[in-house]
Amino acid sequence: MATLKLTDIKKQFGTTQVLHGVDLNVAEGEMIVIVGASGCGKSTLLRIVAGLEFATSGQVDIGGQDVTGLDPAERDVAMVFQNYALYPHMSVFQNMAYGLKIRRMAPEDIRKRVAQAAALLGIEALLERRPRELSGGQRQRVAMGRAIVREPKLFLFDEPLSNLDAKLRVQMRAEIKRLQRRLGVTSLFVTHDQVEAMTLGDRLVVMHQGHAAQVATPMEIWSRPADTYVASFIGSPAMNFLPGTMEGGAVRLDLGLKLHLPATPALADGHKVTLGIRPEHLCPGAGGITMNLELLEPLGSETVAHGRLPDGTELTARLPGEVTTEGPLSLLLPSEHLHLFDAATGKRIGA
């Protein structure tokens, strides 16, 4: 196990700045998930940790050692790729053993490590097969086994589940979580899937346009997003946003409804704000906002309702049970579930 420290990591490709000074401290045995939309810089950051890319500036420390200028082989990290990266002409055993073989490890020690990893992953019966004879899930287990046998300081996962079907992805997600807990290896996991991020990470790094928009536990990010981007990215369906103005310590929505928050910050009257509320926190009731329904998605135990407010603002509500009404729907906004953001900067206001 090892710690990881990234200090002011910047990366530029030509005239394009991809990373704008990322700082991160990872404790021993911690699973950090880097999540964000395509092009946000998350895979570039992972490749810089692996040594597959070099930062334009900044420092990478692994286990207290500055590895910024070291090649991948000198960093003692193991990477699991999206496309498995298995050698097609080698057996499963040979694929898993290859990294140890080039390190000139004794054959008996290689067999022992491969056998232990295969047992851990439940692939003992596959050791003599070739990658083309395996399913996607089996190939991913082999790729993880190849990383495990090296007993590295860091595990690096680059969207390893994106090529799997939905059911297998759920299964492999749980296996990776159990495996990482059991081995206790410090890990970085890159994904664009927020469900993977929420379920796998001890902490999340939400990337946005080359910046770490927020670094916190999954539940902290869900309940107290740092800005409107994080609030909209984490959570499904995404958080609803309603424009408003501060008035007498309360928020006057552009729709006309006045809402009192439990702890409204001292903002001047007329200050433009954005009020956020998650779809699951809207509840039917008189005296709230009126949504004109456009689409209902029945999911059995709940129904996702899509519609618009009178001013044209889109709104999504996640309602319990079956919803059959087709007319306007009145929804309450419980004050304890409201989020307040600055309209100009998008930054969170208050706790």
Protein backbone atom coordinates (compact mmCIF):
# COMPACT_ATOMS: atom_id res chain seq x y z
CA MET A 1 0.00 0.00 0.00
CA ALA A 2 1.04 3.59 -0.54
CA THR A 3 -0.20 7.14 -0.34
CA LEU A 4 -0.64 9.29 -3.43
CA LYS A 5 -0.19 13.05 -3.56
CA LEU A 6 -0.82 15.22 -6.61
CA THR A 7 0.34 18.82 -6.36
CA ASP A 8 -0.83 21.48 -8.83
CA ILE A 9 -0.93 19.08 -11.78
CA LYS A 10 -1.24 20.93 -15.09
CA LYS A 11 -1.26 19.46 -18.57
CA GLN A 12 -1.15 21.20 -21.91
CA PHE A 13 -1.38 19.65 -25.38
CA GLY A 14 -0.11 22.28 -27.78
CA THR A 15 -2.12 25.40 -27.01
CA THR A 16 -4.91 23.46 -25.29
CA GLN A 17 -4.86 23.42 -21.49
CA VAL A 18 -6.38 20.10 -20.37
CA LEU A 19 -5.66 20.19 -16.62
CA HIS A 20 -5.63 23.45 -14.68
CA GLY A 21 -3.81 22.65 -11.44
CA VAL A 22 -5.28 19.57 -9.77
CA ASP A 23 -4.44 18.82 -6.12
CA LEU A 24 -5.28 15.49 -4.49
CA ASN A 25 -4.20 13.57 -1.39
CA VAL A 26 -5.06 9.85 -1.28
CA ALA A 27 -4.63 7.85 1.92
CA GLU A 28 -3.29 4.30 2.10
CA GLY A 29 -5.92 1.77 1.03
CA GLU A 30 -8.38 4.43 -0.15
CA MET A 31 -10.47 4.01 -3.30
CA ILE A 32 -10.77 7.32 -5.13
CA VAL A 33 -13.12 7.57 -8.10
CA ILE A 34 -12.47 10.28 -10.68
CA VAL A 35 -15.73 11.05 -12.44
CA GLY A 36 -16.80 13.51 -15.09
CA ALA A 37 -18.08 13.97 -18.61
CA SER A 38 -16.02 13.14 -21.69
CA GLY A 39 -13.17 15.57 -22.24
CA CYS A 40 -12.98 16.79 -18.63
CA GLY A 41 -9.41 15.54 -18.14
CA LYS A 42 -10.03 12.51 -15.90
CA SER A 43 -8.21 9.93 -18.07
CA THR A 44 -5.33 12.34 -18.68
CA LEU A 45 -4.94 12.72 -14.91
CA LEU A 46 -4.86 8.93 -14.47
CA ARG A 47 -2.28 8.53 -17.24
CA ILE A 48 -0.09 11.14 -15.55
CA VAL A 49 -0.20 9.10 -12.32
CA ALA A 50 0.69 5.97 -14.33
CA GLY A 51 3.55 7.71 -16.12
CA LEU A 52 1.96 7.20 -19.55
CA GLU A 53 1.77 10.99 -19.84
CA PHE A 54 4.00 13.58 -18.18
CA ALA A 55 2.54 16.67 -16.54
CA THR A 56 3.43 20.04 -18.01
CA SER A 57 3.98 21.15 -14.41
CA GLY A 58 3.24 19.89 -10.91
CA GLN A 59 4.39 16.92 -8.87
CA VAL A 60 3.32 13.28 -8.40
CA ASP A 61 4.32 11.54 -5.15
CA ILE A 62 3.68 7.82 -4.56
CA GLY A 63 4.47 6.50 -1.09
CA GLY A 64 6.30 9.71 -0.26
CA GLN A 65 8.59 9.46 -3.31
CA ASP A 66 8.61 12.03 -6.10
CA VAL A 67 7.92 9.98 -9.25
CA THR A 68 7.06 12.90 -11.53
CA GLY A 69 9.83 12.15 -14.01
CA LEU A 70 9.91 8.35 -13.68
CA ASP A 71 8.82 5.91 -16.40
CA PRO A 72 5.79 3.64 -15.75
CA ALA A 73 7.97 0.60 -14.94
CA GLU A 74 9.67 2.54 -12.14
CA ARG A 75 6.44 3.64 -10.40
CA ASP A 76 5.20 0.23 -9.18
CA VAL A 77 1.61 0.77 -10.32
CA ALA A 78 -0.73 -1.60 -12.15
CA MET A 79 -3.36 -0.42 -14.63
CA VAL A 80 -6.57 -2.11 -15.77
CA PHE A 81 -7.72 -0.79 -19.14
CA GLN A 82 -11.14 -0.40 -20.76
CA ASN A 83 -10.26 -2.82 -23.59
CA TYR A 84 -8.56 -5.40 -21.27
CA ALA A 85 -5.24 -5.19 -23.26
CA LEU A 86 -4.64 -8.97 -23.15
CA TYR A 87 -2.16 -10.70 -25.45
CA PRO A 88 -4.35 -12.78 -27.82
CA HIS A 89 -1.68 -15.42 -28.52
CA MET A 90 -1.07 -16.14 -24.82
CA SER A 91 -3.09 -18.27 -22.42
CA VAL A 92 -4.73 -16.74 -19.37
CA PHE A 93 -1.86 -18.04 -17.22
CA GLN A 94 0.72 -16.54 -19.56
CA ASN A 95 -1.08 -13.19 -19.64
CA MET A 96 -1.20 -13.02 -15.85
CA ALA A 97 2.39 -14.21 -15.47
CA TYR A 98 3.98 -12.02 -18.16
CA GLY A 99 4.72 -9.01 -15.96
CA LEU A 100 6.36 -11.22 -13.34
CA LYS A 101 8.35 -13.10 -15.97
CA ILE A 102 9.97 -9.95 -17.36
CA ARG A 103 10.91 -9.06 -13.77
CA ARG A 104 12.80 -12.39 -13.73
CA MET A 105 10.81 -13.78 -10.82
CA ALA A 106 11.36 -17.46 -10.04
CA PRO A 107 8.95 -19.77 -11.96
CA GLU A 108 7.66 -21.36 -8.75
CA ASP A 109 6.87 -17.94 -7.25
CA ILE A 110 5.11 -16.94 -10.48
CA ARG A 111 2.92 -20.06 -10.39
CA LYS A 112 2.07 -19.40 -6.75
CA ARG A 113 1.05 -15.79 -7.32
CA VAL A 114 -1.01 -16.58 -10.42
CA ALA A 115 -2.77 -19.44 -8.62
CA GLN A 116 -3.62 -17.21 -5.66
CA ALA A 117 -4.98 -14.43 -7.89
CA ALA A 118 -6.95 -16.90 -10.02
CA ALA A 119 -8.54 -18.39 -6.90
CA LEU A 120 -9.38 -14.92 -5.62
CA LEU A 121 -11.13 -14.09 -8.91
CA GLY A 122 -12.70 -17.52 -9.49
CA ILE A 123 -10.90 -18.12 -12.81
CA GLU A 124 -8.82 -21.21 -11.93
CA ALA A 125 -10.58 -23.23 -14.65
CA LEU A 126 -9.70 -20.65 -17.32
CA LEU A 127 -5.90 -20.58 -16.97
CA GLU A 128 -5.23 -22.61 -20.14
CA ARG A 129 -7.70 -20.73 -22.35
CA ARG A 130 -6.91 -17.92 -24.80
CA PRO A 131 -8.63 -14.50 -24.54
CA ARG A 132 -10.80 -15.20 -27.62
CA GLU A 133 -12.37 -18.12 -25.73
CA LEU A 134 -13.51 -15.89 -22.85
CA SER A 135 -16.54 -13.69 -22.26
CA GLY A 136 -16.17 -9.98 -21.58
CA GLY A 137 -16.53 -10.48 -17.84
CA GLN A 138 -13.94 -13.25 -17.82
CA ARG A 139 -11.48 -11.11 -19.79
CA GLN A 140 -11.92 -8.32 -17.28
CA ARG A 141 -11.19 -10.73 -14.42
CA VAL A 142 -8.01 -11.82 -16.20
CA ALA A 143 -6.99 -8.17 -16.64
CA MET A 144 -7.54 -7.58 -12.93
CA GLY A 145 -5.64 -10.77 -12.11
CA ARG A 146 -2.67 -9.55 -14.13
CA ALA A 147 -2.67 -6.39 -12.00
CA ILE A 148 -3.10 -8.26 -8.70
CA VAL A 149 -0.17 -10.65 -9.17
CA ARG A 150 2.23 -7.70 -9.39
CA GLU A 151 1.27 -6.62 -5.83
CA PRO A 152 1.65 -2.95 -6.81
CA LYS A 153 1.57 0.16 -4.66
CA LEU A 154 -1.37 1.54 -6.68
CA PHE A 155 -4.22 0.09 -8.72
CA LEU A 156 -5.33 2.32 -11.61
CA PHE A 157 -8.63 1.56 -13.36
CA ASP A 158 -9.44 3.33 -16.65
CA GLU A 159 -13.19 2.82 -17.26
CA PRO A 160 -12.79 -0.98 -16.95
CA LEU A 161 -16.52 -1.76 -17.02
CA SER A 162 -17.68 0.35 -19.96
CA ASN A 163 -17.53 -2.55 -22.45
CA LEU A 164 -19.74 -4.84 -20.34
CA ASP A 165 -23.53 -5.18 -20.50
CA ALA A 166 -25.62 -3.61 -17.75
CA LYS A 167 -26.15 -6.76 -15.65
CA LEU A 168 -22.51 -7.80 -15.79
CA ARG A 169 -21.41 -4.27 -15.03
CA VAL A 170 -23.35 -4.35 -11.75
CA GLN A 171 -21.82 -7.72 -10.85
CA MET A 172 -18.26 -6.66 -11.69
CA ARG A 173 -18.72 -3.39 -9.80
CA ALA A 174 -19.50 -5.31 -6.63
CA GLU A 175 -16.56 -7.67 -7.24
CA ILE A 176 -14.11 -4.78 -7.67
CA LYS A 177 -15.38 -3.19 -4.45
CA ARG A 178 -14.98 -6.42 -2.47
CA LEU A 179 -11.59 -7.11 -4.03
CA GLN A 180 -10.22 -3.65 -3.29
CA ARG A 181 -11.43 -3.88 0.32
CA ARG A 182 -9.87 -7.33 0.72
CA LEU A 183 -6.50 -6.39 -0.78
CA GLY A 184 -6.42 -2.92 0.75
CA VAL A 185 -4.52 -1.45 -2.20
CA THR A 186 -4.72 2.29 -2.80
CA SER A 187 -6.76 2.73 -5.98
CA LEU A 188 -7.81 5.33 -8.55
CA PHE A 189 -10.85 4.47 -10.66
CA VAL A 190 -11.87 6.61 -13.65
CA THR A 191 -15.44 6.51 -14.94
CA HIS A 192 -18.08 8.69 -16.58
CA ASP A 193 -20.83 6.63 -14.86
CA GLN A 194 -22.10 8.34 -11.73
CA VAL A 195 -23.62 5.11 -10.34
CA GLU A 196 -20.18 3.45 -10.49
CA ALA A 197 -18.72 6.53 -8.83
CA MET A 198 -21.25 6.64 -6.00
CA THR A 199 -21.05 2.93 -5.20
CA LEU A 200 -17.29 2.37 -5.55
CA GLY A 201 -15.58 5.43 -4.16
CA ASP A 202 -14.55 6.23 -0.61
CA ARG A 203 -14.26 9.73 -2.06
CA LEU A 204 -15.04 11.20 -5.46
CA VAL A 205 -13.15 13.71 -7.56
CA VAL A 206 -15.71 15.40 -9.81
CA MET A 207 -13.81 16.80 -12.78
CA HIS A 208 -15.10 19.69 -14.88
CA GLN A 209 -13.16 21.33 -17.71
CA GLY A 210 -9.80 20.32 -16.28
CA HIS A 211 -10.57 21.36 -12.70
CA ALA A 212 -11.43 19.27 -9.65
CA ALA A 213 -14.85 20.83 -9.05
CA GLN A 214 -15.31 18.96 -5.77
CA VAL A 215 -13.46 16.29 -3.78
CA ALA A 216 -15.57 14.67 -1.06
CA THR A 217 -17.41 11.51 -0.03
CA PRO A 218 -20.21 10.36 -2.35
CA MET A 219 -22.97 11.33 0.10
CA GLU A 220 -21.44 14.73 0.82
CA ILE A 221 -21.31 15.47 -2.89
CA TRP A 222 -24.90 14.30 -3.33
CA SER A 223 -26.25 16.26 -0.35
CA ARG A 224 -24.00 19.37 -0.54
CA PRO A 225 -22.77 19.83 -4.13
CA ALA A 226 -20.19 22.60 -4.48
CA ASP A 227 -21.76 24.15 -7.58
CA THR A 228 -24.49 23.71 -10.15
CA TYR A 229 -22.29 21.51 -12.37
CA VAL A 230 -21.66 18.98 -9.61
CA ALA A 231 -25.31 19.18 -8.58
CA SER A 232 -26.49 18.42 -12.12
CA PHE A 233 -23.89 15.70 -12.82
CA ILE A 234 -24.37 13.65 -9.65
CA GLY A 235 -27.90 12.34 -9.24
CA SER A 236 -30.32 10.68 -11.64
CA PRO A 237 -32.49 12.28 -12.84
CA ALA A 238 -30.48 15.48 -12.54
CA MET A 239 -31.27 18.22 -10.02
CA ASN A 240 -33.89 20.79 -11.02
CA PHE A 241 -32.85 24.46 -11.08
CA LEU A 242 -35.23 27.40 -10.60
CA PRO A 243 -34.17 31.06 -11.01
CA GLY A 244 -34.96 33.47 -8.20
CA THR A 245 -34.04 36.63 -6.31
CA MET A 246 -33.30 37.28 -2.64
CA GLU A 247 -36.07 39.24 -0.94
CA GLY A 248 -36.24 39.89 2.79
CA GLY A 249 -34.06 36.92 3.68
CA ALA A 250 -36.16 34.56 1.55
CA VAL A 251 -36.00 33.46 -2.09
CA ARG A 252 -38.58 34.86 -4.47
CA LEU A 253 -38.77 32.52 -7.47
CA ASP A 254 -39.27 34.11 -10.87
CA LEU A 255 -42.54 32.15 -10.85
CA GLY A 256 -43.70 34.32 -7.94
CA LEU A 257 -43.53 31.75 -5.11
CA LYS A 258 -41.64 32.94 -2.01
CA LEU A 259 -39.62 30.31 -0.12
CA HIS A 260 -37.94 30.50 3.28
CA LEU A 261 -34.83 28.37 3.67
CA PRO A 262 -33.83 26.86 7.05
CA ALA A 263 -30.60 28.89 7.16
CA THR A 264 -30.65 31.59 4.51
CA PRO A 265 -27.32 33.46 4.24
CA ALA A 266 -27.33 37.22 4.63
CA LEU A 267 -27.63 38.31 1.02
CA ALA A 268 -28.77 41.69 -0.19
CA ASP A 269 -32.25 42.03 -1.64
CA GLY A 270 -32.15 41.70 -5.40
CA HIS A 271 -29.24 39.22 -5.39
CA LYS A 272 -29.84 36.73 -8.20
CA VAL A 273 -29.79 33.10 -7.11
CA THR A 274 -30.58 29.64 -8.43
CA LEU A 275 -32.63 27.30 -6.29
CA GLY A 276 -31.97 23.59 -6.68
CA ILE A 277 -34.08 20.62 -5.69
CA ARG A 278 -33.64 16.96 -6.58
CA PRO A 279 -36.51 15.21 -8.42
CA GLU A 280 -37.00 12.73 -5.55
CA HIS A 281 -37.60 15.58 -3.08
CA LEU A 282 -40.53 17.10 -4.96
CA CYS A 283 -43.83 15.86 -3.57
CA PRO A 284 -47.45 16.32 -4.69
CA GLY A 285 -49.43 18.87 -2.70
CA ALA A 286 -51.41 22.08 -2.94
CA GLY A 287 -49.75 25.48 -2.67
CA GLY A 288 -46.53 24.65 -4.47
CA ILE A 289 -45.46 25.01 -8.09
CA THR A 290 -47.56 23.77 -10.98
CA MET A 291 -45.99 21.50 -13.59
CA ASN A 292 -47.67 20.77 -16.90
CA LEU A 293 -46.99 17.08 -17.52
CA GLU A 294 -45.39 16.09 -20.83
CA LEU A 295 -44.15 12.55 -20.16
CA LEU A 296 -44.53 9.83 -17.52
CA GLU A 297 -42.00 7.03 -17.09
CA PRO A 298 -43.51 4.28 -14.90
CA LEU A 299 -40.76 2.23 -13.23
CA GLY A 300 -42.93 0.06 -10.99
CA SER A 301 -42.18 1.30 -7.48
CA GLU A 302 -41.93 4.88 -8.73
CA THR A 303 -42.77 7.11 -11.67
CA VAL A 304 -40.51 9.76 -13.21
CA ALA A 305 -42.63 12.72 -14.36
CA HIS A 306 -41.29 15.21 -16.92
CA GLY A 307 -42.93 18.53 -17.63
CA ARG A 308 -42.64 22.30 -17.71
CA LEU A 309 -43.50 25.15 -15.39
CA PRO A 310 -45.67 28.03 -16.65
CA ASP A 311 -42.56 30.03 -17.61
CA GLY A 312 -41.25 27.15 -19.74
CA THR A 313 -38.65 25.89 -17.24
CA GLU A 314 -38.18 22.11 -17.51
CA LEU A 315 -38.89 20.10 -14.37
CA THR A 316 -38.50 16.45 -13.42
CA ALA A 317 -40.14 14.79 -10.42
CA ARG A 318 -39.50 11.30 -9.07
CA LEU A 319 -42.79 10.24 -7.51
CA PRO A 320 -43.61 7.10 -5.52
CA GLY A 321 -45.87 4.49 -7.09
CA GLU A 322 -47.96 4.87 -10.22
CA VAL A 323 -49.03 8.28 -11.49
CA THR A 324 -52.00 8.30 -13.85
CA THR A 325 -52.94 11.97 -14.03
CA GLU A 326 -52.41 13.75 -17.34
CA GLY A 327 -53.27 17.27 -16.22
CA PRO A 328 -51.22 19.86 -14.30
CA LEU A 329 -49.46 18.55 -11.22
CA SER A 330 -48.97 20.68 -8.09
CA LEU A 331 -45.66 20.02 -6.34
CA LEU A 332 -44.31 21.15 -2.99
CA LEU A 333 -40.67 22.13 -2.43
CA PRO A 334 -39.72 21.04 1.13
CA SER A 335 -37.41 23.72 2.56
CA GLU A 336 -35.04 21.15 4.13
CA HIS A 337 -34.20 19.77 0.67
CA LEU A 338 -33.51 23.07 -1.10
CA HIS A 339 -30.05 24.02 -2.39
CA LEU A 340 -29.02 27.62 -3.02
CA PHE A 341 -26.48 28.67 -5.64
CA ASP A 342 -25.19 32.02 -6.87
CA ALA A 343 -26.78 32.73 -10.27
CA ALA A 344 -23.63 34.38 -11.66
CA THR A 345 -20.93 31.93 -10.51
CA GLY A 346 -22.94 28.75 -9.97
CA LYS A 347 -21.20 28.29 -6.59
CA ARG A 348 -23.06 26.93 -3.56
CA ILE A 349 -24.28 29.50 -1.04
CA GLY A 350 -24.31 28.49 2.60
CA ALA A 351 -23.87 25.06 4.19
